[in-house]
Amino acid sequence: MSQDNLIDFDAERARRVHDIKEKRLNEMRDAFEQALPLNAAKKKSKRKPKKR
């Protein structure tokens, strides 16, 4: 039997769990961004006041 076909189930499971947690984290970030939009998204223009 060839050694090339061995699968490290522990590493595969760790990667899958990481992907699941990363997906959940991204969903939570999106939910918080919709509920509480960051003020950094809006840029205020710094204009000079008009001369009178």
C-alpha atoms as a PDB file:
ATOM      1  CA  MET A   1       0.000   0.000   0.000  1.00  0.00           C
ATOM      2  CA  SER A   2       1.281   3.424  -0.927  1.00  0.00           C
ATOM      3  CA  GLN A   3       1.996   6.082   1.714  1.00  0.00           C
ATOM      4  CA  ASP A   4       0.795   8.871  -0.627  1.00  0.00           C
ATOM      5  CA  ASN A   5      -2.896   8.066  -0.142  1.00  0.00           C
ATOM      6  CA  LEU A   6      -2.963   8.548   3.633  1.00  0.00           C
ATOM      7  CA  ILE A   7      -5.297  11.216   4.943  1.00  0.00           C
ATOM      8  CA  ASP A   8      -4.661  13.073   8.184  1.00  0.00           C
ATOM      9  CA  PHE A   9      -8.196  13.109   9.560  1.00  0.00           C
ATOM     10  CA  ASP A  10      -7.226  15.318  12.503  1.00  0.00           C
ATOM     11  CA  ALA A  11      -5.881  18.022  10.187  1.00  0.00           C
ATOM     12  CA  GLU A  12      -8.886  17.750   7.868  1.00  0.00           C
ATOM     13  CA  ARG A  13     -11.286  18.074  10.811  1.00  0.00           C
ATOM     14  CA  ALA A  14      -9.388  21.053  12.212  1.00  0.00           C
ATOM     15  CA  ARG A  15      -9.520  22.783   8.846  1.00  0.00           C
ATOM     16  CA  ARG A  16     -13.252  22.071   8.453  1.00  0.00           C
ATOM     17  CA  VAL A  17     -14.018  23.348  11.967  1.00  0.00           C
ATOM     18  CA  HIS A  18     -11.950  26.463  11.251  1.00  0.00           C
ATOM     19  CA  ASP A  19     -13.903  27.088   8.030  1.00  0.00           C
ATOM     20  CA  ILE A  20     -17.230  26.679   9.866  1.00  0.00           C
ATOM     21  CA  LYS A  21     -16.186  29.109  12.617  1.00  0.00           C
ATOM     22  CA  GLU A  22     -14.839  31.591  10.063  1.00  0.00           C
ATOM     23  CA  LYS A  23     -18.151  31.474   8.182  1.00  0.00           C
ATOM     24  CA  ARG A  24     -20.098  32.078  11.407  1.00  0.00           C
ATOM     25  CA  LEU A  25     -17.779  34.958  12.320  1.00  0.00           C
ATOM     26  CA  ASN A  26     -18.288  36.589   8.915  1.00  0.00           C
ATOM     27  CA  GLU A  27     -22.068  36.249   9.283  1.00  0.00           C
ATOM     28  CA  MET A  28     -21.895  37.921  12.691  1.00  0.00           C
ATOM     29  CA  ARG A  29     -19.746  40.734  11.285  1.00  0.00           C
ATOM     30  CA  ASP A  30     -22.278  41.332   8.521  1.00  0.00           C
ATOM     31  CA  ALA A  31     -25.163  41.336  11.007  1.00  0.00           C
ATOM     32  CA  PHE A  32     -23.411  43.834  13.283  1.00  0.00           C
ATOM     33  CA  GLU A  33     -22.496  46.027  10.333  1.00  0.00           C
ATOM     34  CA  GLN A  34     -26.144  46.177   9.270  1.00  0.00           C
ATOM     35  CA  ALA A  35     -27.383  46.829  12.807  1.00  0.00           C
ATOM     36  CA  LEU A  36     -24.683  49.312  13.765  1.00  0.00           C
ATOM     37  CA  PRO A  37     -23.123  50.880  10.676  1.00  0.00           C
ATOM     38  CA  LEU A  38     -19.692  52.323  11.244  1.00  0.00           C
ATOM     39  CA  ASN A  39     -19.273  56.081  11.014  1.00  0.00           C
ATOM     40  CA  ALA A  40     -16.067  55.567   9.051  1.00  0.00           C
ATOM     41  CA  ALA A  41     -18.129  54.635   6.000  1.00  0.00           C
ATOM     42  CA  LYS A  42     -19.352  58.212   5.665  1.00  0.00           C
ATOM     43  CA  LYS A  43     -16.706  60.696   4.651  1.00  0.00           C
ATOM     44  CA  LYS A  44     -17.296  64.332   5.399  1.00  0.00           C
ATOM     45  CA  SER A  45     -15.994  66.721   2.810  1.00  0.00           C
ATOM     46  CA  LYS A  46     -13.829  69.457   4.213  1.00  0.00           C
ATOM     47  CA  ARG A  47     -14.805  72.524   2.236  1.00  0.00           C
ATOM     48  CA  LYS A  48     -13.707  76.036   2.801  1.00  0.00           C
ATOM     49  CA  PRO A  49     -16.445  78.349   4.013  1.00  0.00           C
ATOM     50  CA  LYS A  50     -17.860  80.674   1.370  1.00  0.00           C
ATOM     51  CA  LYS A  51     -16.690  84.260   1.361  1.00  0.00           C
ATOM     52  CA  ARG A  52     -19.372  86.776   2.126  1.00  0.00           C
END
